[in-house]
Amino acid sequence: MSLVKYGHSCTFAGALRSSMELITVIDYAGTLVFAISGIQAGVERKLDLFGVFILGFVTAVGGGTLRDLLIGSTPVGWMKNELYIYLIILAVPISYVWSSQISQMKKGVFLFDTIGIGIYTILGLQKTLALGLSPLLAVMMGVVSAVFGGVIRDVLSNRTPLIFRKEIYAFACLAGAVLYLICSLFLSSQISMLLSIAVVIFIRIMSIKKRWYLPFRP
């Protein structure tokens, strides 16, 4: 019996470790793509090197920083792991070397921003749930993680933040977060995570292509 229990324990530990490794990889990927999003916005505004780095930095870690402060997780994530800063620094040469290719993707900022919000929605939700907070608060913190870095980026680059426009933005994050909660009841954490991120990206892209808008006051 003890061997059976030990086997189950090892299986659970292995699944948990695999899940955490996937979360870590996705977190780093989200940091990089969000940083590129902010840097591209700075390049388009013709800011200097320091200016584009600041935009990349606040875009990459702004939402997560606000989330961590709200849920009492301090020091905030990027202060406990310098790799986040190195990834943001790495995003600068990537953005400059491949700037023309990114721009030719038709709104390169949009592409990387869309990938970023998909990733950070689920990461923010998972971190909040891990602290024992309610699913409702977890969904809210997932949206905060995803959109507030972009809000800071847009304010600093003198643009109306996407969250305040009529196009679908935060709603895509909300839909992905709710989907994750539902899928996690039936599917593994990894599958739920990837599926939910894909749905956020899909809704955001299709809302632009098909001109989907939420009802708004005339």
N, C-alpha and C. Protein backbone atom coordinates (compact mmCIF):
# COMPACT_ATOMS: atom_id res chain seq x y z
N MET A 1 0.84 -1.21 0.00
CA MET A 1 0.00 0.00 0.00
C MET A 1 0.87 1.24 0.00
N SER A 2 1.95 1.21 0.80
CA SER A 2 2.82 2.37 0.88
C SER A 2 3.47 2.66 -0.46
N LEU A 3 3.81 1.57 -1.21
CA LEU A 3 4.40 1.76 -2.53
C LEU A 3 3.42 2.43 -3.47
N VAL A 4 2.13 2.05 -3.37
CA VAL A 4 1.10 2.65 -4.21
C VAL A 4 0.98 4.14 -3.90
N LYS A 5 0.96 4.42 -2.57
CA LYS A 5 0.85 5.82 -2.16
C LYS A 5 2.06 6.61 -2.64
N TYR A 6 3.24 5.97 -2.54
CA TYR A 6 4.46 6.65 -2.96
C TYR A 6 4.42 6.93 -4.46
N GLY A 7 3.89 5.93 -5.21
CA GLY A 7 3.78 6.11 -6.67
C GLY A 7 2.87 7.26 -7.02
N HIS A 8 1.72 7.35 -6.35
CA HIS A 8 0.78 8.45 -6.60
C HIS A 8 1.42 9.78 -6.23
N SER A 9 2.17 9.77 -5.12
CA SER A 9 2.83 10.99 -4.66
C SER A 9 3.84 11.48 -5.68
N CYS A 10 4.62 10.55 -6.25
CA CYS A 10 5.62 10.91 -7.26
C CYS A 10 4.95 11.45 -8.52
N THR A 11 3.82 10.80 -8.90
CA THR A 11 3.10 11.24 -10.09
C THR A 11 2.58 12.66 -9.90
N PHE A 12 2.01 12.95 -8.73
CA PHE A 12 1.47 14.28 -8.45
C PHE A 12 2.60 15.31 -8.43
N ALA A 13 3.73 14.93 -7.77
CA ALA A 13 4.86 15.86 -7.68
C ALA A 13 5.41 16.16 -9.07
N GLY A 14 5.47 15.10 -9.91
CA GLY A 14 5.97 15.31 -11.27
C GLY A 14 5.06 16.21 -12.08
N ALA A 15 3.75 16.03 -11.93
CA ALA A 15 2.78 16.86 -12.65
C ALA A 15 2.86 18.30 -12.18
N LEU A 16 3.02 18.47 -10.85
CA LEU A 16 3.11 19.82 -10.31
C LEU A 16 4.38 20.52 -10.80
N ARG A 17 5.49 19.76 -10.80
CA ARG A 17 6.76 20.33 -11.25
C ARG A 17 6.67 20.71 -12.72
N SER A 18 6.05 19.85 -13.54
CA SER A 18 5.88 20.13 -14.96
C SER A 18 5.04 21.38 -15.18
N SER A 19 3.97 21.50 -14.37
CA SER A 19 3.09 22.67 -14.47
C SER A 19 3.83 23.95 -14.12
N MET A 20 4.64 23.89 -13.05
CA MET A 20 5.39 25.06 -12.63
C MET A 20 6.43 25.46 -13.67
N GLU A 21 7.06 24.46 -14.30
CA GLU A 21 8.04 24.76 -15.34
C GLU A 21 7.38 25.45 -16.52
N LEU A 22 6.19 25.01 -16.91
CA LEU A 22 5.46 25.62 -18.01
C LEU A 22 5.08 27.06 -17.66
N ILE A 23 4.62 27.27 -16.42
CA ILE A 23 4.26 28.61 -15.98
C ILE A 23 5.47 29.53 -16.05
N THR A 24 6.63 29.03 -15.62
CA THR A 24 7.85 29.84 -15.64
C THR A 24 8.24 30.23 -17.05
N VAL A 25 8.20 29.27 -17.97
CA VAL A 25 8.54 29.54 -19.37
C VAL A 25 7.58 30.56 -19.96
N ILE A 26 6.29 30.40 -19.69
CA ILE A 26 5.29 31.32 -20.21
C ILE A 26 5.48 32.71 -19.61
N ASP A 27 5.83 32.77 -18.32
CA ASP A 27 6.07 34.05 -17.66
C ASP A 27 7.22 34.79 -18.33
N TYR A 28 8.32 34.09 -18.57
CA TYR A 28 9.46 34.73 -19.22
C TYR A 28 9.12 35.16 -20.65
N ALA A 29 8.37 34.31 -21.35
CA ALA A 29 7.96 34.66 -22.71
C ALA A 29 7.07 35.90 -22.70
N GLY A 30 6.17 35.98 -21.73
CA GLY A 30 5.29 37.14 -21.62
C GLY A 30 6.06 38.41 -21.35
N THR A 31 7.08 38.32 -20.49
CA THR A 31 7.92 39.48 -20.19
C THR A 31 8.61 39.98 -21.46
N LEU A 32 9.16 39.06 -22.24
CA LEU A 32 9.87 39.44 -23.46
C LEU A 32 8.94 40.07 -24.49
N VAL A 33 7.79 39.45 -24.74
CA VAL A 33 6.91 39.98 -25.78
C VAL A 33 6.25 41.29 -25.35
N PHE A 34 5.95 41.44 -24.07
CA PHE A 34 5.40 42.71 -23.60
C PHE A 34 6.45 43.82 -23.69
N ALA A 35 7.70 43.48 -23.37
CA ALA A 35 8.77 44.46 -23.48
C ALA A 35 8.94 44.91 -24.92
N ILE A 36 8.90 43.96 -25.85
CA ILE A 36 9.00 44.30 -27.27
C ILE A 36 7.85 45.19 -27.69
N SER A 37 6.66 44.91 -27.16
CA SER A 37 5.49 45.74 -27.45
C SER A 37 5.73 47.18 -27.03
N GLY A 38 6.23 47.37 -25.80
CA GLY A 38 6.49 48.72 -25.31
C GLY A 38 7.60 49.41 -26.07
N ILE A 39 8.66 48.67 -26.37
CA ILE A 39 9.78 49.24 -27.11
C ILE A 39 9.36 49.66 -28.51
N GLN A 40 8.54 48.84 -29.17
CA GLN A 40 8.05 49.20 -30.50
C GLN A 40 7.23 50.48 -30.46
N ALA A 41 6.45 50.65 -29.39
CA ALA A 41 5.68 51.89 -29.24
C ALA A 41 6.62 53.07 -29.12
N GLY A 42 7.73 52.89 -28.40
CA GLY A 42 8.70 53.95 -28.27
C GLY A 42 9.42 54.25 -29.57
N VAL A 43 9.73 53.21 -30.32
CA VAL A 43 10.38 53.39 -31.64
C VAL A 43 9.46 54.17 -32.56
N GLU A 44 8.17 53.83 -32.56
CA GLU A 44 7.21 54.53 -33.41
C GLU A 44 7.09 56.00 -33.01
N ARG A 45 7.28 56.28 -31.72
CA ARG A 45 7.21 57.67 -31.23
C ARG A 45 8.56 58.38 -31.34
N LYS A 46 9.56 57.65 -31.89
CA LYS A 46 10.90 58.21 -32.11
C LYS A 46 11.56 58.68 -30.80
N LEU A 47 11.40 57.90 -29.74
CA LEU A 47 12.06 58.19 -28.47
C LEU A 47 13.52 57.74 -28.53
N ASP A 48 14.33 58.25 -27.60
CA ASP A 48 15.72 57.82 -27.56
C ASP A 48 15.82 56.45 -26.90
N LEU A 49 17.05 55.94 -26.82
CA LEU A 49 17.26 54.57 -26.31
C LEU A 49 16.74 54.41 -24.89
N PHE A 50 17.01 55.40 -24.04
CA PHE A 50 16.54 55.33 -22.66
C PHE A 50 15.01 55.34 -22.62
N GLY A 51 14.40 56.17 -23.46
CA GLY A 51 12.94 56.28 -23.49
C GLY A 51 12.28 54.97 -23.91
N VAL A 52 12.83 54.32 -24.93
CA VAL A 52 12.21 53.06 -25.37
C VAL A 52 12.40 51.97 -24.33
N PHE A 53 13.55 52.00 -23.60
CA PHE A 53 13.75 51.02 -22.54
C PHE A 53 12.72 51.20 -21.42
N ILE A 54 12.48 52.45 -21.04
CA ILE A 54 11.50 52.72 -19.98
C ILE A 54 10.12 52.23 -20.41
N LEU A 55 9.73 52.50 -21.66
CA LEU A 55 8.43 52.02 -22.15
C LEU A 55 8.37 50.50 -22.14
N GLY A 56 9.46 49.86 -22.57
CA GLY A 56 9.50 48.40 -22.54
C GLY A 56 9.40 47.86 -21.12
N PHE A 57 10.08 48.52 -20.18
CA PHE A 57 10.09 48.07 -18.79
C PHE A 57 8.71 48.17 -18.16
N VAL A 58 8.06 49.33 -18.27
CA VAL A 58 6.76 49.50 -17.61
C VAL A 58 5.69 48.63 -18.28
N THR A 59 5.83 48.39 -19.59
CA THR A 59 4.86 47.53 -20.27
C THR A 59 5.00 46.09 -19.79
N ALA A 60 6.25 45.66 -19.61
CA ALA A 60 6.51 44.27 -19.24
C ALA A 60 6.13 43.97 -17.79
N VAL A 61 6.41 44.89 -16.88
CA VAL A 61 6.23 44.58 -15.46
C VAL A 61 5.19 45.43 -14.76
N GLY A 62 4.62 46.43 -15.45
CA GLY A 62 3.67 47.33 -14.80
C GLY A 62 2.43 46.64 -14.27
N GLY A 63 1.80 45.80 -15.09
CA GLY A 63 0.59 45.10 -14.67
C GLY A 63 0.86 44.13 -13.55
N GLY A 64 1.95 43.37 -13.67
CA GLY A 64 2.30 42.41 -12.63
C GLY A 64 2.66 43.08 -11.32
N THR A 65 3.33 44.24 -11.41
CA THR A 65 3.69 44.98 -10.21
C THR A 65 2.43 45.45 -9.47
N LEU A 66 1.49 46.01 -10.21
CA LEU A 66 0.24 46.47 -9.60
C LEU A 66 -0.52 45.30 -8.98
N ARG A 67 -0.57 44.19 -9.68
CA ARG A 67 -1.25 42.99 -9.15
C ARG A 67 -0.61 42.54 -7.85
N ASP A 68 0.72 42.43 -7.83
CA ASP A 68 1.42 41.96 -6.63
C ASP A 68 1.19 42.89 -5.44
N LEU A 69 1.17 44.20 -5.71
CA LEU A 69 0.92 45.15 -4.63
C LEU A 69 -0.50 44.99 -4.08
N LEU A 70 -1.46 44.76 -4.98
CA LEU A 70 -2.86 44.62 -4.56
C LEU A 70 -3.10 43.36 -3.74
N ILE A 71 -2.42 42.27 -4.09
CA ILE A 71 -2.65 41.01 -3.38
C ILE A 71 -1.64 40.80 -2.25
N GLY A 72 -0.76 41.78 -2.03
CA GLY A 72 0.18 41.71 -0.92
C GLY A 72 1.35 40.79 -1.13
N SER A 73 1.72 40.55 -2.39
CA SER A 73 2.87 39.69 -2.68
C SER A 73 4.09 40.57 -2.93
N THR A 74 4.83 40.84 -1.87
CA THR A 74 5.99 41.71 -1.97
C THR A 74 7.23 41.03 -1.37
N PRO A 75 8.44 41.37 -1.86
CA PRO A 75 8.72 42.25 -2.99
C PRO A 75 8.05 41.71 -4.27
N VAL A 76 7.75 42.61 -5.18
CA VAL A 76 7.06 42.21 -6.40
C VAL A 76 7.97 41.31 -7.23
N GLY A 77 7.36 40.56 -8.15
CA GLY A 77 8.05 39.50 -8.86
C GLY A 77 9.39 39.85 -9.47
N TRP A 78 9.47 40.96 -10.22
CA TRP A 78 10.71 41.26 -10.93
C TRP A 78 11.84 41.66 -9.99
N MET A 79 11.52 42.05 -8.75
CA MET A 79 12.56 42.40 -7.78
C MET A 79 13.20 41.15 -7.17
N LYS A 80 12.53 40.03 -7.29
CA LYS A 80 13.07 38.79 -6.72
C LYS A 80 13.81 37.94 -7.75
N ASN A 81 13.77 38.38 -9.01
CA ASN A 81 14.40 37.60 -10.08
C ASN A 81 14.93 38.57 -11.15
N GLU A 82 16.24 38.76 -11.19
CA GLU A 82 16.83 39.72 -12.11
C GLU A 82 16.71 39.30 -13.57
N LEU A 83 16.33 38.06 -13.82
CA LEU A 83 16.19 37.61 -15.20
C LEU A 83 15.15 38.43 -15.94
N TYR A 84 14.12 38.91 -15.24
CA TYR A 84 13.11 39.75 -15.87
C TYR A 84 13.75 41.01 -16.46
N ILE A 85 14.66 41.61 -15.71
CA ILE A 85 15.33 42.82 -16.18
C ILE A 85 16.21 42.50 -17.39
N TYR A 86 16.91 41.36 -17.33
CA TYR A 86 17.75 40.98 -18.46
C TYR A 86 16.92 40.72 -19.72
N LEU A 87 15.74 40.15 -19.55
CA LEU A 87 14.87 39.90 -20.70
C LEU A 87 14.40 41.22 -21.33
N ILE A 88 14.12 42.20 -20.48
CA ILE A 88 13.70 43.50 -21.00
C ILE A 88 14.86 44.17 -21.75
N ILE A 89 16.07 44.04 -21.19
CA ILE A 89 17.25 44.57 -21.87
C ILE A 89 17.44 43.86 -23.21
N LEU A 90 17.26 42.54 -23.23
CA LEU A 90 17.40 41.76 -24.47
C LEU A 90 16.39 42.21 -25.52
N ALA A 91 15.21 42.63 -25.08
CA ALA A 91 14.16 43.04 -26.01
C ALA A 91 14.56 44.28 -26.81
N VAL A 92 15.47 45.09 -26.26
CA VAL A 92 15.87 46.32 -26.96
C VAL A 92 16.59 46.01 -28.27
N PRO A 93 17.68 45.23 -28.27
CA PRO A 93 18.32 44.92 -29.56
C PRO A 93 17.43 44.11 -30.49
N ILE A 94 16.61 43.22 -29.92
CA ILE A 94 15.69 42.46 -30.77
C ILE A 94 14.77 43.41 -31.52
N SER A 95 14.24 44.39 -30.82
CA SER A 95 13.29 45.33 -31.42
C SER A 95 13.96 46.21 -32.47
N TYR A 96 15.22 46.58 -32.24
CA TYR A 96 15.92 47.43 -33.20
C TYR A 96 16.41 46.64 -34.41
N VAL A 97 16.97 45.46 -34.17
CA VAL A 97 17.53 44.65 -35.27
C VAL A 97 16.42 44.19 -36.21
N TRP A 98 15.30 43.75 -35.63
CA TRP A 98 14.20 43.26 -36.44
C TRP A 98 13.03 44.25 -36.49
N SER A 99 13.33 45.52 -36.32
CA SER A 99 12.28 46.54 -36.28
C SER A 99 11.45 46.57 -37.56
N SER A 100 12.13 46.51 -38.71
CA SER A 100 11.39 46.57 -39.99
C SER A 100 10.50 45.36 -40.17
N GLN A 101 11.01 44.17 -39.77
CA GLN A 101 10.19 42.96 -39.91
C GLN A 101 8.96 43.03 -39.00
N ILE A 102 9.17 43.51 -37.77
CA ILE A 102 8.05 43.61 -36.83
C ILE A 102 7.03 44.62 -37.34
N SER A 103 7.51 45.75 -37.86
CA SER A 103 6.61 46.78 -38.38
C SER A 103 5.84 46.29 -39.59
N GLN A 104 6.46 45.45 -40.40
CA GLN A 104 5.80 44.94 -41.60
C GLN A 104 4.69 43.94 -41.28
N MET A 105 4.62 43.50 -40.02
CA MET A 105 3.57 42.57 -39.63
C MET A 105 2.22 43.28 -39.49
N LYS A 106 2.20 44.54 -39.87
CA LYS A 106 1.02 45.39 -39.74
C LYS A 106 0.65 45.53 -38.27
N LYS A 107 1.15 46.59 -37.74
CA LYS A 107 0.96 46.91 -36.33
C LYS A 107 1.66 45.88 -35.45
N GLY A 108 3.01 45.96 -35.48
CA GLY A 108 3.80 45.05 -34.66
C GLY A 108 3.48 45.17 -33.18
N VAL A 109 3.20 46.38 -32.73
CA VAL A 109 2.83 46.57 -31.32
C VAL A 109 1.59 45.76 -30.99
N PHE A 110 0.62 45.76 -31.91
CA PHE A 110 -0.62 45.01 -31.69
C PHE A 110 -0.34 43.52 -31.53
N LEU A 111 0.52 42.98 -32.40
CA LEU A 111 0.81 41.55 -32.35
C LEU A 111 1.41 41.14 -31.01
N PHE A 112 2.45 41.84 -30.58
CA PHE A 112 3.13 41.47 -29.34
C PHE A 112 2.28 41.79 -28.12
N ASP A 113 1.52 42.87 -28.20
CA ASP A 113 0.62 43.20 -27.09
C ASP A 113 -0.44 42.12 -26.91
N THR A 114 -0.95 41.60 -28.02
CA THR A 114 -1.99 40.56 -27.98
C THR A 114 -1.46 39.27 -27.36
N ILE A 115 -0.25 38.88 -27.75
CA ILE A 115 0.36 37.69 -27.15
C ILE A 115 0.58 37.92 -25.65
N GLY A 116 1.04 39.11 -25.32
CA GLY A 116 1.33 39.44 -23.92
C GLY A 116 0.10 39.39 -23.03
N ILE A 117 -1.01 39.96 -23.49
CA ILE A 117 -2.20 39.97 -22.62
C ILE A 117 -2.75 38.56 -22.43
N GLY A 118 -2.60 37.71 -23.43
CA GLY A 118 -3.05 36.32 -23.28
C GLY A 118 -2.26 35.60 -22.21
N ILE A 119 -0.94 35.79 -22.24
CA ILE A 119 -0.07 35.13 -21.27
C ILE A 119 -0.30 35.66 -19.86
N TYR A 120 -0.32 36.97 -19.71
CA TYR A 120 -0.38 37.56 -18.37
C TYR A 120 -1.75 37.44 -17.72
N THR A 121 -2.79 37.30 -18.51
CA THR A 121 -4.11 37.06 -17.93
C THR A 121 -4.09 35.79 -17.07
N ILE A 122 -3.57 34.73 -17.64
CA ILE A 122 -3.58 33.44 -16.95
C ILE A 122 -2.55 33.41 -15.82
N LEU A 123 -1.40 34.02 -16.03
CA LEU A 123 -0.39 34.05 -14.97
C LEU A 123 -0.89 34.81 -13.75
N GLY A 124 -1.55 35.95 -13.99
CA GLY A 124 -2.08 36.74 -12.87
C GLY A 124 -3.17 35.99 -12.13
N LEU A 125 -4.02 35.32 -12.88
CA LEU A 125 -5.10 34.54 -12.27
C LEU A 125 -4.52 33.41 -11.41
N GLN A 126 -3.55 32.69 -11.95
CA GLN A 126 -2.97 31.56 -11.22
C GLN A 126 -2.26 32.01 -9.94
N LYS A 127 -1.54 33.12 -10.02
CA LYS A 127 -0.82 33.60 -8.83
C LYS A 127 -1.79 33.99 -7.73
N THR A 128 -2.91 34.60 -8.11
CA THR A 128 -3.91 35.01 -7.13
C THR A 128 -4.58 33.80 -6.50
N LEU A 129 -4.91 32.80 -7.30
CA LEU A 129 -5.51 31.58 -6.77
C LEU A 129 -4.54 30.87 -5.82
N ALA A 130 -3.25 30.90 -6.16
CA ALA A 130 -2.24 30.22 -5.34
C ALA A 130 -2.15 30.82 -3.94
N LEU A 131 -2.55 32.08 -3.80
CA LEU A 131 -2.54 32.74 -2.49
C LEU A 131 -3.82 32.49 -1.70
N GLY A 132 -4.73 31.70 -2.28
CA GLY A 132 -5.95 31.35 -1.58
C GLY A 132 -7.07 32.35 -1.72
N LEU A 133 -6.95 33.31 -2.63
CA LEU A 133 -8.01 34.29 -2.83
C LEU A 133 -9.10 33.70 -3.72
N SER A 134 -10.25 34.36 -3.76
CA SER A 134 -11.41 33.81 -4.45
C SER A 134 -11.24 33.83 -5.96
N PRO A 135 -11.96 32.95 -6.68
CA PRO A 135 -11.91 32.95 -8.15
C PRO A 135 -12.28 34.30 -8.76
N LEU A 136 -13.25 35.01 -8.15
CA LEU A 136 -13.65 36.32 -8.67
C LEU A 136 -12.48 37.30 -8.62
N LEU A 137 -11.79 37.35 -7.48
CA LEU A 137 -10.63 38.23 -7.36
C LEU A 137 -9.50 37.78 -8.29
N ALA A 138 -9.38 36.47 -8.47
CA ALA A 138 -8.35 35.94 -9.36
C ALA A 138 -8.58 36.40 -10.80
N VAL A 139 -9.84 36.38 -11.23
CA VAL A 139 -10.17 36.85 -12.58
C VAL A 139 -9.84 38.34 -12.71
N MET A 140 -10.20 39.11 -11.70
CA MET A 140 -9.92 40.55 -11.72
C MET A 140 -8.42 40.81 -11.78
N MET A 141 -7.64 40.08 -11.01
CA MET A 141 -6.19 40.28 -10.99
C MET A 141 -5.55 39.80 -12.29
N GLY A 142 -6.17 38.79 -12.92
CA GLY A 142 -5.69 38.36 -14.23
C GLY A 142 -5.82 39.47 -15.26
N VAL A 143 -6.95 40.16 -15.23
CA VAL A 143 -7.18 41.28 -16.15
C VAL A 143 -6.23 42.43 -15.83
N VAL A 144 -6.05 42.73 -14.54
CA VAL A 144 -5.12 43.80 -14.13
C VAL A 144 -3.71 43.49 -14.64
N SER A 145 -3.27 42.25 -14.45
CA SER A 145 -1.94 41.85 -14.89
C SER A 145 -1.76 42.06 -16.39
N ALA A 146 -2.82 41.76 -17.12
CA ALA A 146 -2.73 41.80 -18.58
C ALA A 146 -2.77 43.20 -19.16
N VAL A 147 -3.62 44.07 -18.63
CA VAL A 147 -3.89 45.32 -19.33
C VAL A 147 -3.19 46.55 -18.77
N PHE A 148 -2.78 46.54 -17.50
CA PHE A 148 -2.30 47.79 -16.92
C PHE A 148 -0.88 48.15 -17.33
N GLY A 149 -0.09 47.17 -17.74
CA GLY A 149 1.21 47.52 -18.33
C GLY A 149 1.00 48.29 -19.62
N GLY A 150 0.03 47.85 -20.42
CA GLY A 150 -0.30 48.55 -21.66
C GLY A 150 -0.89 49.92 -21.41
N VAL A 151 -1.68 50.05 -20.33
CA VAL A 151 -2.25 51.35 -19.97
C VAL A 151 -1.13 52.35 -19.67
N ILE A 152 -0.16 51.92 -18.86
CA ILE A 152 0.97 52.80 -18.52
C ILE A 152 1.75 53.15 -19.78
N ARG A 153 1.99 52.15 -20.64
CA ARG A 153 2.71 52.40 -21.91
C ARG A 153 2.00 53.46 -22.74
N ASP A 154 0.69 53.31 -22.89
CA ASP A 154 -0.06 54.24 -23.74
C ASP A 154 -0.10 55.64 -23.15
N VAL A 155 -0.24 55.73 -21.83
CA VAL A 155 -0.25 57.05 -21.19
C VAL A 155 1.09 57.75 -21.39
N LEU A 156 2.19 57.02 -21.18
CA LEU A 156 3.52 57.61 -21.33
C LEU A 156 3.83 57.97 -22.77
N SER A 157 3.26 57.25 -23.73
CA SER A 157 3.50 57.55 -25.15
C SER A 157 2.40 58.45 -25.73
N ASN A 158 1.60 59.04 -24.83
CA ASN A 158 0.60 60.03 -25.22
C ASN A 158 -0.46 59.47 -26.17
N ARG A 159 -0.95 58.28 -25.83
CA ARG A 159 -2.04 57.67 -26.61
C ARG A 159 -3.18 57.31 -25.67
N THR A 160 -4.39 57.27 -26.21
CA THR A 160 -5.52 56.82 -25.41
C THR A 160 -5.38 55.33 -25.14
N PRO A 161 -5.33 54.90 -23.87
CA PRO A 161 -5.16 53.47 -23.58
C PRO A 161 -6.25 52.62 -24.24
N LEU A 162 -5.84 51.44 -24.71
CA LEU A 162 -6.78 50.56 -25.40
C LEU A 162 -7.97 50.18 -24.53
N ILE A 163 -7.75 50.09 -23.22
CA ILE A 163 -8.82 49.67 -22.32
C ILE A 163 -9.96 50.69 -22.30
N PHE A 164 -9.68 51.92 -22.70
CA PHE A 164 -10.69 52.96 -22.69
C PHE A 164 -11.35 53.17 -24.06
N ARG A 165 -10.93 52.39 -25.05
CA ARG A 165 -11.54 52.49 -26.37
C ARG A 165 -12.66 51.47 -26.50
N LYS A 166 -13.44 51.61 -27.56
CA LYS A 166 -14.60 50.73 -27.69
C LYS A 166 -14.24 49.34 -28.19
N GLU A 167 -13.04 49.17 -28.76
CA GLU A 167 -12.68 47.85 -29.26
C GLU A 167 -12.48 46.87 -28.12
N ILE A 168 -12.62 45.59 -28.44
CA ILE A 168 -12.52 44.54 -27.42
C ILE A 168 -11.06 44.36 -27.00
N TYR A 169 -10.79 44.51 -25.71
CA TYR A 169 -9.43 44.39 -25.18
C TYR A 169 -9.48 43.66 -23.83
N ALA A 170 -9.92 44.38 -22.81
CA ALA A 170 -10.01 43.75 -21.49
C ALA A 170 -11.02 42.61 -21.49
N PHE A 171 -12.06 42.72 -22.32
CA PHE A 171 -13.07 41.65 -22.37
C PHE A 171 -12.46 40.34 -22.84
N ALA A 172 -11.50 40.40 -23.75
CA ALA A 172 -10.83 39.18 -24.21
C ALA A 172 -10.09 38.51 -23.05
N CYS A 173 -9.47 39.33 -22.20
CA CYS A 173 -8.78 38.79 -21.02
C CYS A 173 -9.78 38.18 -20.05
N LEU A 174 -10.89 38.85 -19.87
CA LEU A 174 -11.93 38.35 -18.97
C LEU A 174 -12.46 37.00 -19.45
N ALA A 175 -12.72 36.89 -20.75
CA ALA A 175 -13.21 35.64 -21.32
C ALA A 175 -12.20 34.51 -21.13
N GLY A 176 -10.92 34.81 -21.36
CA GLY A 176 -9.88 33.79 -21.18
C GLY A 176 -9.74 33.35 -19.74
N ALA A 177 -9.86 34.29 -18.81
CA ALA A 177 -9.74 33.96 -17.39
C ALA A 177 -10.88 33.07 -16.93
N VAL A 178 -12.10 33.41 -17.35
CA VAL A 178 -13.27 32.59 -16.99
C VAL A 178 -13.16 31.20 -17.61
N LEU A 179 -12.70 31.15 -18.86
CA LEU A 179 -12.53 29.86 -19.52
C LEU A 179 -11.53 28.99 -18.76
N TYR A 180 -10.46 29.60 -18.27
CA TYR A 180 -9.47 28.84 -17.51
C TYR A 180 -10.10 28.20 -16.27
N LEU A 181 -10.90 28.96 -15.55
CA LEU A 181 -11.54 28.43 -14.34
C LEU A 181 -12.43 27.24 -14.68
N ILE A 182 -13.13 27.34 -15.80
CA ILE A 182 -14.03 26.25 -16.21
C ILE A 182 -13.22 25.03 -16.66
N CYS A 183 -12.24 25.27 -17.53
CA CYS A 183 -11.45 24.16 -18.09
C CYS A 183 -10.65 23.43 -17.01
N SER A 184 -10.19 24.17 -15.99
CA SER A 184 -9.38 23.54 -14.95
C SER A 184 -10.17 22.54 -14.12
N LEU A 185 -11.50 22.57 -14.23
CA LEU A 185 -12.33 21.60 -13.53
C LEU A 185 -12.30 20.23 -14.22
N PHE A 186 -11.96 20.24 -15.53
CA PHE A 186 -12.04 19.01 -16.31
C PHE A 186 -10.71 18.63 -16.96
N LEU A 187 -9.83 19.61 -17.17
CA LEU A 187 -8.60 19.36 -17.90
C LEU A 187 -7.39 19.65 -17.01
N SER A 188 -6.23 19.24 -17.47
CA SER A 188 -5.00 19.52 -16.71
C SER A 188 -4.71 21.01 -16.73
N SER A 189 -3.88 21.44 -15.79
CA SER A 189 -3.54 22.85 -15.68
C SER A 189 -2.84 23.34 -16.95
N GLN A 190 -1.94 22.51 -17.49
CA GLN A 190 -1.20 22.92 -18.68
C GLN A 190 -2.12 23.14 -19.87
N ILE A 191 -3.02 22.19 -20.10
CA ILE A 191 -3.94 22.30 -21.24
C ILE A 191 -4.88 23.50 -21.05
N SER A 192 -5.39 23.65 -19.84
CA SER A 192 -6.28 24.78 -19.55
C SER A 192 -5.58 26.10 -19.80
N MET A 193 -4.32 26.17 -19.39
CA MET A 193 -3.54 27.38 -19.55
C MET A 193 -3.34 27.73 -21.03
N LEU A 194 -2.87 26.77 -21.80
CA LEU A 194 -2.60 27.02 -23.21
C LEU A 194 -3.88 27.33 -23.98
N LEU A 195 -4.95 26.62 -23.67
CA LEU A 195 -6.23 26.85 -24.34
C LEU A 195 -6.76 28.25 -24.03
N SER A 196 -6.67 28.66 -22.79
CA SER A 196 -7.19 29.97 -22.38
C SER A 196 -6.38 31.10 -23.01
N ILE A 197 -5.06 30.95 -23.03
CA ILE A 197 -4.21 31.96 -23.67
C ILE A 197 -4.55 32.08 -25.15
N ALA A 198 -4.74 30.93 -25.80
CA ALA A 198 -5.09 30.94 -27.23
C ALA A 198 -6.42 31.64 -27.47
N VAL A 199 -7.37 31.45 -26.57
CA VAL A 199 -8.69 32.08 -26.73
C VAL A 199 -8.59 33.59 -26.58
N VAL A 200 -7.79 34.06 -25.63
CA VAL A 200 -7.60 35.51 -25.47
C VAL A 200 -7.03 36.09 -26.76
N ILE A 201 -6.00 35.45 -27.30
CA ILE A 201 -5.37 35.93 -28.53
C ILE A 201 -6.35 35.89 -29.69
N PHE A 202 -7.11 34.79 -29.79
CA PHE A 202 -8.08 34.64 -30.88
C PHE A 202 -9.15 35.73 -30.84
N ILE A 203 -9.72 35.95 -29.67
CA ILE A 203 -10.78 36.97 -29.54
C ILE A 203 -10.24 38.34 -29.91
N ARG A 204 -9.05 38.65 -29.41
CA ARG A 204 -8.47 39.97 -29.69
C ARG A 204 -8.21 40.18 -31.18
N ILE A 205 -7.62 39.18 -31.83
CA ILE A 205 -7.32 39.30 -33.26
C ILE A 205 -8.60 39.36 -34.09
N MET A 206 -9.55 38.47 -33.77
CA MET A 206 -10.80 38.44 -34.54
C MET A 206 -11.62 39.71 -34.33
N SER A 207 -11.53 40.30 -33.14
CA SER A 207 -12.29 41.53 -32.89
C SER A 207 -11.80 42.66 -33.78
N ILE A 208 -10.52 42.65 -34.11
CA ILE A 208 -9.99 43.66 -35.02
C ILE A 208 -10.34 43.33 -36.46
N LYS A 209 -10.15 42.06 -36.83
CA LYS A 209 -10.43 41.67 -38.22
C LYS A 209 -11.91 41.79 -38.57
N LYS A 210 -12.77 41.39 -37.64
CA LYS A 210 -14.22 41.37 -37.90
C LYS A 210 -14.93 42.60 -37.35
N ARG A 211 -14.15 43.51 -36.77
CA ARG A 211 -14.72 44.74 -36.20
C ARG A 211 -15.80 44.44 -35.15
N TRP A 212 -15.45 43.55 -34.22
CA TRP A 212 -16.36 43.26 -33.12
C TRP A 212 -16.18 44.36 -32.06
N TYR A 213 -17.28 44.86 -31.55
CA TYR A 213 -17.24 45.87 -30.50
C TYR A 213 -18.26 45.52 -29.42
N LEU A 214 -17.94 45.92 -28.19
CA LEU A 214 -18.92 45.78 -27.12
C LEU A 214 -19.92 46.92 -27.24
N PRO A 215 -21.16 46.69 -26.78
CA PRO A 215 -22.14 47.78 -26.78
C PRO A 215 -21.61 48.96 -25.98
N PHE A 216 -21.85 50.16 -26.47
CA PHE A 216 -21.38 51.34 -25.73
C PHE A 216 -22.46 52.41 -25.80
N ARG A 217 -22.33 53.36 -24.88
CA ARG A 217 -23.33 54.42 -24.78
C ARG A 217 -23.23 55.34 -25.98
N PRO A 218 -24.35 55.63 -26.67
CA PRO A 218 -24.30 56.52 -27.83
C PRO A 218 -23.98 57.95 -27.44
